[in-house]
Protein backbone atom coordinates (compact mmCIF):
# COMPACT_ATOMS: atom_id res chain seq x y z
CA UNK A 1 -37.44 -10.70 60.09
CA UNK A 2 -37.93 -14.25 59.00
CA UNK A 3 -39.56 -13.07 55.93
CA UNK A 4 -36.54 -10.94 54.99
CA UNK A 5 -34.19 -13.93 55.52
CA UNK A 6 -36.42 -16.25 53.54
CA UNK A 7 -36.64 -13.70 50.67
CA UNK A 8 -32.87 -13.24 50.65
CA UNK A 9 -32.30 -16.99 50.62
CA UNK A 10 -34.78 -17.38 47.78
CA UNK A 11 -33.11 -14.59 45.74
CA UNK A 12 -29.62 -16.26 46.35
CA UNK A 13 -30.99 -19.61 45.07
CA UNK A 14 -32.50 -17.94 42.00
CA UNK A 15 -29.23 -16.19 41.20
CA UNK A 16 -27.29 -19.49 41.53
CA UNK A 17 -29.78 -21.25 39.21
CA UNK A 18 -29.58 -18.40 36.61
CA UNK A 19 -25.79 -18.42 36.80
CA UNK A 20 -25.60 -22.18 36.21
CA UNK A 21 -27.83 -21.91 33.23
CA UNK A 22 -25.59 -19.12 31.77
CA UNK A 23 -22.49 -21.24 32.14
CA UNK A 24 -24.16 -24.14 30.46
CA UNK A 25 -25.28 -22.09 27.53
CA UNK A 26 -21.90 -20.62 27.10
CA UNK A 27 -20.32 -24.07 27.08
CA UNK A 28 -22.79 -25.43 24.46
CA UNK A 29 -21.32 -26.08 21.03
CA UNK A 30 -22.09 -23.41 18.45
CA UNK A 31 -22.99 -24.10 14.92
CA UNK A 32 -21.92 -20.88 13.34
CA UNK A 33 -19.14 -20.88 10.86
CA UNK A 34 -16.23 -18.55 11.30
CA UNK A 35 -16.14 -15.40 9.00
CA UNK A 36 -13.89 -15.64 6.04
CA UNK A 37 -11.91 -12.57 5.08
CA UNK A 38 -9.73 -11.62 2.11
CA UNK A 39 -6.84 -9.10 2.43
CA UNK A 40 -5.45 -7.33 -0.67
CA UNK A 41 -2.86 -4.66 -1.32
CA UNK A 42 -3.93 -1.83 -3.74
CA UNK A 43 -1.33 0.40 -5.52
CA UNK A 44 -2.12 3.66 -7.27
CA UNK A 45 -0.19 6.49 -8.96
CA UNK A 46 -0.76 10.06 -9.94
CA UNK A 47 1.43 12.59 -11.73
CA UNK A 48 2.84 15.39 -9.59
CA UNK A 49 4.97 18.51 -10.52
CA UNK A 50 8.55 18.26 -9.50
CA UNK A 51 8.26 21.41 -7.28
CA UNK A 52 4.72 21.00 -6.07
CA UNK A 53 3.47 22.76 -2.95
CA UNK A 54 1.77 20.96 -0.09
CA UNK A 55 -1.82 21.45 -1.34
CA UNK A 56 -1.05 20.11 -4.79
CA UNK A 57 1.06 17.23 -3.36
CA UNK A 58 -1.77 16.20 -1.06
CA UNK A 59 -4.28 16.35 -3.88
CA UNK A 60 -2.02 14.18 -6.05
CA UNK A 61 -1.55 11.69 -3.20
CA UNK A 62 -5.34 11.44 -2.69
CA UNK A 63 -5.79 10.73 -6.35
CA UNK A 64 -3.20 7.93 -6.07
CA UNK A 65 -5.00 6.59 -2.99
CA UNK A 66 -8.32 6.52 -4.97
CA UNK A 67 -6.50 4.60 -7.71
CA UNK A 68 -5.08 2.31 -5.12
CA UNK A 69 -8.62 1.56 -3.78
CA UNK A 70 -9.87 0.71 -7.28
CA UNK A 71 -6.79 -1.57 -7.78
CA UNK A 72 -7.34 -3.31 -4.49
CA UNK A 73 -11.15 -3.76 -5.19
CA UNK A 74 -10.28 -5.25 -8.66
CA UNK A 75 -7.81 -7.66 -7.12
CA UNK A 76 -10.32 -8.66 -4.40
CA UNK A 77 -13.06 -9.34 -6.98
CA UNK A 78 -10.70 -11.43 -9.01
CA UNK A 79 -9.50 -13.50 -5.98
CA UNK A 80 -13.01 -13.99 -4.65
CA UNK A 81 -14.14 -15.24 -8.11
CA UNK A 82 -11.31 -17.66 -8.21
CA UNK A 83 -12.18 -18.94 -4.64
CA UNK A 84 -15.83 -19.40 -5.57
CA UNK A 85 -16.82 -16.84 -2.95
CA UNK A 86 -18.83 -13.73 -2.86
CA UNK A 87 -17.07 -10.51 -2.09
CA UNK A 88 -18.73 -8.75 0.82
CA UNK A 89 -18.16 -5.25 2.18
CA UNK A 90 -14.84 -3.70 3.17
CA UNK A 91 -14.06 -4.57 6.84
CA UNK A 92 -10.81 -2.72 7.25
CA UNK A 93 -8.61 -0.17 5.36
CA UNK A 94 -4.97 0.48 6.12
CA UNK A 95 -2.89 3.33 4.56
CA UNK A 96 0.54 1.76 3.89
CA UNK A 97 2.17 4.97 2.76
CA UNK A 98 3.68 6.13 -0.46
CA UNK A 99 6.53 7.83 -2.22
CA UNK A 100 7.43 10.25 -4.94
CA UNK A 101 9.67 9.28 -7.73
CA UNK A 102 10.93 11.46 -10.61
CA UNK A 103 12.20 10.41 -14.02
CA UNK A 104 13.98 12.25 -16.90
CA UNK A 105 14.31 11.27 -20.53
CA UNK A 106 17.96 10.73 -20.27
CA UNK A 107 20.05 7.90 -18.72
CA UNK A 108 21.34 10.22 -16.05
CA UNK A 109 20.67 9.34 -12.39
CA UNK A 110 17.11 9.84 -11.22
CA UNK A 111 16.36 13.55 -10.49
CA UNK A 112 15.37 14.41 -6.94
CA UNK A 113 11.77 15.55 -6.09
CA UNK A 114 12.13 19.14 -4.91
CA UNK A 115 8.55 19.90 -3.76
CA UNK A 116 6.76 19.48 -0.43
CA UNK A 117 6.10 15.99 0.65
CA UNK A 118 2.47 14.76 0.58
CA UNK A 119 0.86 13.55 3.82
CA UNK A 120 1.83 9.86 3.50
CA UNK A 121 0.13 8.81 6.66
CA UNK A 122 1.62 5.85 8.32
CA UNK A 123 4.47 5.03 5.92
CA UNK A 124 7.29 3.46 7.76
CA UNK A 125 10.02 4.56 5.40
CA UNK A 126 10.18 6.60 2.27
CA UNK A 127 13.12 5.88 0.07
CA UNK A 128 15.40 8.54 -1.23
CA UNK A 129 15.02 8.22 -4.99
CA UNK A 130 17.76 10.78 -5.66
CA UNK A 131 20.26 8.23 -4.27
CA UNK A 132 18.99 5.27 -6.18
CA UNK A 133 21.80 3.14 -7.53
CA UNK A 134 22.17 3.17 -11.20
CA UNK A 135 23.15 -0.04 -13.21
CA UNK A 136 26.33 0.18 -15.32
CA UNK A 137 27.13 -3.00 -17.23
CA UNK A 138 30.87 -3.89 -17.35
CA UNK A 139 32.24 -4.10 -20.84
CA UNK A 140 35.12 -6.35 -21.58
CA UNK A 141 37.90 -4.85 -23.74
CA UNK A 142 37.92 -6.16 -27.33
CA UNK A 143 41.21 -7.66 -28.31
CA UNK A 144 42.50 -6.63 -31.75
CA UNK A 145 44.90 -8.72 -33.81
CA UNK A 146 46.29 -5.84 -35.99
CA UNK A 147 47.01 -2.19 -35.41
CA UNK A 148 44.78 0.32 -36.87
CA UNK A 149 45.67 3.96 -37.42
CA UNK A 150 43.32 6.11 -35.62
CA UNK A 151 41.89 9.27 -37.20
CA UNK A 152 40.91 12.22 -35.19
CA UNK A 153 37.24 12.91 -35.44
CA UNK A 154 35.86 16.33 -35.39
CA UNK A 155 33.37 16.92 -32.64
CA UNK A 156 30.04 18.23 -33.71
CA UNK A 157 28.59 20.82 -31.47
CA UNK A 158 25.12 19.85 -30.85
CA UNK A 159 22.96 21.59 -28.40
CA UNK A 160 21.60 19.18 -25.80
CA UNK A 161 17.93 19.49 -25.22
CA UNK A 162 17.08 19.77 -21.50
CA UNK A 163 15.54 16.51 -20.41
CA UNK A 164 12.07 16.92 -19.23
CA UNK A 165 11.53 15.72 -15.63
CA UNK A 166 8.21 13.94 -14.79
CA UNK A 167 7.31 12.90 -11.19
CA UNK A 168 4.83 10.36 -9.96
CA UNK A 169 3.35 9.91 -6.46
CA UNK A 170 2.70 6.34 -5.41
CA UNK A 171 0.14 5.21 -2.85
CA UNK A 172 -0.25 1.80 -1.14
CA UNK A 173 -3.26 0.73 0.90
CA UNK A 174 -4.43 -2.62 2.35
CA UNK A 175 -8.13 -3.67 2.08
CA UNK A 176 -9.77 -6.42 4.07
CA UNK A 177 -13.04 -7.69 2.64
CA UNK A 178 -15.55 -10.07 4.11
CA UNK A 179 -16.19 -13.20 1.99
CA UNK A 180 -19.36 -15.28 2.01
């Protein structure tokens, strides 16, 4: 019995000693430098048909994300070079979402995208391009000092060509690189 008590007291003393050494080593100053990181936003685009189905829309969005990755890497390499640092590996990638915008050759309001939406991931808001405001400059009337007789002009009948609509899918991603 005395042996068991003595063994238990010895083990308790050993645990207290190990614990004290662990606390001392945790409180010792460290000489390691903190990791430096670089965060960049990559933007990419890809053409998309105005009435694309979900498969085509997702493929176009993925192409835009690949372009956004290349854009982000290019920006990161540029910034790392300006900071006299070496660009390390990618530490984090964040999908910031995207949008689809359509344009026509005319000055008419932007045409609406009529296809299925790509899987934009974690986009917080996708703007309605069809409701985008248009800029119309105000023109001041010109004052005339004399009266001019107006002649009636004959209207020419010209067939208007249908304006071609082209749409583009946009992708935004965030890349975080380690610097050394």
